[in-house]
Amino acid sequence: GARALVDTLHAKRHRPRWSPLLKVYSNFTLEAVEALLVLEKMKALGANPNVVSFSTCIDAQAKRQDGSAETAAQLFEEMLACGIAPDTVTFAGAIDAQAKRRDGSAATAVAILERMVGHVNPNQIHFNSALNACANQRPSNAILAEQVLASSLARGFKPNQYTMSALLRCANFSSP
């Protein structure tokens, strides 16, 4: 796995290119923990993670079976604490983790969306992902979904099929 490759490179005194290594393991392994192990090894060896390193690990939390929305949010906060500016990919992964993982929270997704101001401009994918977090919460969070939709419309985005799907699921699973 990732650990063996990193250990082999280190033993041979090679300095691995960390971001591509993280990307390979987040895209081609089934475990988000592998990307986290590479990130920890990277820090232990004195390499400084960058926006790509953190974004890759956050994205793995959203997309892999063992991923966690809480871990994605912690990585996001760690990244900010290190003074690393998040980009649109970072925000997309952090919001997506809230929408896709069982431990995700609509409130956290919306808070991350709101934090984009001052860093980057959110796009329709960011808004739709936050709407998905509202729809996937049980019961769904229709109140937050309305706020996200209003923000999206205020920025000039027109609802598309993903927006409508999230809103329909939100209405279907809201409490009476």
Protein backbone atom coordinates (compact mmCIF):
# COMPACT_ATOMS: atom_id res chain seq x y z
CA GLY A 1 0.00 0.00 0.00
CA ALA A 2 0.91 3.64 0.34
CA ARG A 3 2.89 3.06 3.53
CA ALA A 4 5.17 0.47 1.90
CA LEU A 5 5.89 2.74 -1.07
CA VAL A 6 6.68 5.73 1.14
CA ASP A 7 8.90 3.61 3.39
CA THR A 8 10.74 2.20 0.36
CA LEU A 9 11.34 5.65 -1.09
CA HIS A 10 12.51 6.97 2.27
CA ALA A 11 14.82 3.99 2.84
CA LYS A 12 16.41 4.61 -0.56
CA ARG A 13 16.78 8.30 0.34
CA HIS A 14 14.44 9.40 -2.42
CA ARG A 15 12.31 12.43 -1.81
CA PRO A 16 8.94 11.44 -3.15
CA ARG A 17 6.77 13.96 -4.86
CA TRP A 18 4.07 13.88 -2.23
CA SER A 19 1.07 15.39 -4.01
CA PRO A 20 1.13 12.94 -6.96
CA LEU A 21 1.64 10.06 -4.53
CA LEU A 22 -1.38 11.18 -2.49
CA LYS A 23 -3.42 11.56 -5.67
CA VAL A 24 -2.60 8.04 -6.83
CA TYR A 25 -3.58 6.52 -3.51
CA SER A 26 -6.76 8.54 -3.14
CA ASN A 27 -7.85 7.63 -6.69
CA PHE A 28 -6.78 3.99 -6.83
CA THR A 29 -7.12 2.56 -3.35
CA LEU A 30 -10.34 1.77 -1.59
CA GLU A 31 -9.37 3.38 1.70
CA ALA A 32 -9.22 7.02 2.69
CA VAL A 33 -6.95 6.02 5.56
CA GLU A 34 -4.13 5.35 3.06
CA ALA A 35 -4.09 9.00 2.00
CA LEU A 36 -4.09 10.09 5.66
CA LEU A 37 -1.15 7.78 6.40
CA VAL A 38 0.85 9.30 3.54
CA LEU A 39 0.01 12.81 4.79
CA GLU A 40 1.17 11.91 8.31
CA LYS A 41 4.35 10.31 7.01
CA MET A 42 4.97 13.37 4.90
CA LYS A 43 4.73 15.63 7.96
CA ALA A 44 6.86 13.26 10.06
CA LEU A 45 9.63 13.44 7.46
CA GLY A 46 9.58 17.25 7.54
CA ALA A 47 7.78 17.86 4.26
CA ASN A 48 5.22 20.65 4.35
CA PRO A 49 1.79 19.72 3.00
CA ASN A 50 0.34 22.12 0.45
CA VAL A 51 -3.15 22.82 -0.85
CA VAL A 52 -3.00 19.80 -3.17
CA SER A 53 -1.94 17.49 -0.33
CA PHE A 54 -4.79 18.57 1.91
CA SER A 55 -7.37 18.74 -0.89
CA THR A 56 -6.52 15.20 -1.98
CA CYS A 57 -6.96 13.84 1.52
CA ILE A 58 -10.21 15.76 2.02
CA ASP A 59 -11.52 14.47 -1.31
CA ALA A 60 -10.62 10.91 -0.33
CA GLN A 61 -12.74 11.34 2.81
CA ALA A 62 -15.69 12.25 0.60
CA LYS A 63 -15.26 9.50 -1.98
CA ARG A 64 -13.92 6.42 -0.20
CA GLN A 65 -16.00 3.92 1.74
CA ASP A 66 -14.05 4.45 4.96
CA GLY A 67 -14.19 8.24 4.62
CA SER A 68 -15.54 10.54 7.27
CA ALA A 69 -17.14 13.97 7.04
CA GLU A 70 -15.74 14.79 10.46
CA THR A 71 -12.21 13.90 9.36
CA ALA A 72 -12.65 15.98 6.20
CA ALA A 73 -13.74 18.97 8.32
CA GLN A 74 -10.77 18.45 10.67
CA LEU A 75 -8.35 18.35 7.73
CA PHE A 76 -9.93 21.53 6.38
CA GLU A 77 -9.42 23.27 9.75
CA GLU A 78 -5.85 21.96 10.02
CA MET A 79 -5.12 23.31 6.57
CA LEU A 80 -6.38 26.76 7.54
CA ALA A 81 -4.43 26.64 10.81
CA CYS A 82 -1.26 25.95 8.78
CA GLY A 83 -1.93 29.14 6.80
CA ILE A 84 -2.68 27.27 3.58
CA ALA A 85 -5.35 28.96 1.47
CA PRO A 86 -8.03 26.56 0.25
CA ASP A 87 -9.03 26.56 -3.41
CA THR A 88 -12.27 25.59 -5.15
CA VAL A 89 -11.25 21.91 -5.12
CA THR A 90 -10.64 21.99 -1.38
CA PHE A 91 -14.02 23.55 -0.70
CA ALA A 92 -15.77 21.14 -3.06
CA GLY A 93 -14.27 18.13 -1.28
CA ALA A 94 -15.05 19.45 2.20
CA ILE A 95 -18.68 20.20 1.30
CA ASP A 96 -19.04 16.94 -0.66
CA ALA A 97 -17.87 14.93 2.37
CA GLN A 98 -20.68 16.48 4.40
CA ALA A 99 -23.16 15.48 1.70
CA LYS A 100 -21.94 11.92 1.11
CA ARG A 101 -20.82 10.52 4.46
CA ARG A 102 -23.19 9.25 7.15
CA ASP A 103 -21.57 11.50 9.73
CA GLY A 104 -22.08 14.54 7.49
CA SER A 105 -23.98 17.61 8.56
CA ALA A 106 -25.97 20.07 6.49
CA ALA A 107 -25.04 22.84 8.93
CA THR A 108 -21.33 22.09 8.52
CA ALA A 109 -21.67 21.98 4.72
CA VAL A 110 -23.37 25.38 4.69
CA ALA A 111 -20.81 26.83 7.12
CA ILE A 112 -18.00 25.69 4.82
CA LEU A 113 -19.84 27.19 1.83
CA GLU A 114 -20.15 30.50 3.68
CA ARG A 115 -16.42 30.45 4.51
CA MET A 116 -15.61 30.50 0.80
CA VAL A 117 -16.12 34.26 0.80
CA GLY A 118 -12.71 35.84 1.03
CA HIS A 119 -10.97 32.80 -0.46
CA VAL A 120 -12.69 31.89 -3.73
CA ASN A 121 -16.07 32.37 -5.36
CA PRO A 122 -18.41 29.42 -4.97
CA ASN A 123 -19.75 27.87 -8.15
CA GLN A 124 -22.91 25.92 -8.79
CA ILE A 125 -21.23 22.64 -7.83
CA HIS A 126 -20.53 24.01 -4.35
CA PHE A 127 -24.13 25.14 -3.91
CA ASN A 128 -25.54 21.84 -5.23
CA SER A 129 -23.28 19.85 -2.94
CA ALA A 130 -24.49 21.88 0.06
CA LEU A 131 -28.08 21.24 -1.09
CA ASN A 132 -27.28 17.53 -1.23
CA ALA A 133 -26.06 17.70 2.37
CA CYS A 134 -29.40 19.26 3.32
CA ALA A 135 -31.30 16.55 1.41
CA ASN A 136 -29.26 13.65 2.82
CA GLN A 137 -29.67 14.63 6.46
CA ARG A 138 -32.54 12.80 8.23
CA PRO A 139 -34.91 14.41 8.50
CA SER A 140 -33.73 16.64 5.68
CA ASN A 141 -32.97 20.25 6.47
CA ALA A 142 -35.40 22.18 4.28
CA ILE A 143 -34.77 25.47 6.09
CA LEU A 144 -31.05 25.43 5.29
CA ALA A 145 -31.81 24.23 1.76
CA GLU A 146 -33.99 27.31 1.22
CA GLN A 147 -31.14 29.55 2.42
CA VAL A 148 -28.62 27.82 0.13
CA LEU A 149 -30.99 28.10 -2.83
CA ALA A 150 -31.55 31.80 -2.11
CA SER A 151 -27.77 32.40 -1.98
CA SER A 152 -27.29 30.49 -5.22
CA LEU A 153 -30.00 32.46 -6.99
CA ALA A 154 -28.61 35.75 -5.62
CA ARG A 155 -25.27 34.90 -7.27
CA GLY A 156 -27.03 34.40 -10.59
CA PHE A 157 -27.05 30.60 -10.76
CA LYS A 158 -30.06 29.00 -12.33
CA PRO A 159 -31.31 25.71 -10.89
CA ASN A 160 -30.24 22.71 -12.96
CA GLN A 161 -31.21 19.03 -12.75
CA TYR A 162 -28.85 18.49 -9.77
CA THR A 163 -30.33 21.45 -7.92
CA MET A 164 -33.87 20.22 -8.55
CA SER A 165 -33.03 16.65 -7.55
CA ALA A 166 -31.58 17.80 -4.22
CA LEU A 167 -34.56 20.06 -3.55
CA LEU A 168 -37.06 17.28 -4.35
CA ARG A 169 -35.25 14.85 -2.05
CA CYS A 170 -35.13 17.54 0.61
CA ALA A 171 -38.89 18.05 0.37
CA ASN A 172 -39.55 14.31 0.35
CA PHE A 173 -37.52 13.59 3.49
CA SER A 174 -38.39 16.63 5.57
CA SER A 175 -40.34 16.22 8.77
CA PRO A 176 -44.05 16.99 8.46
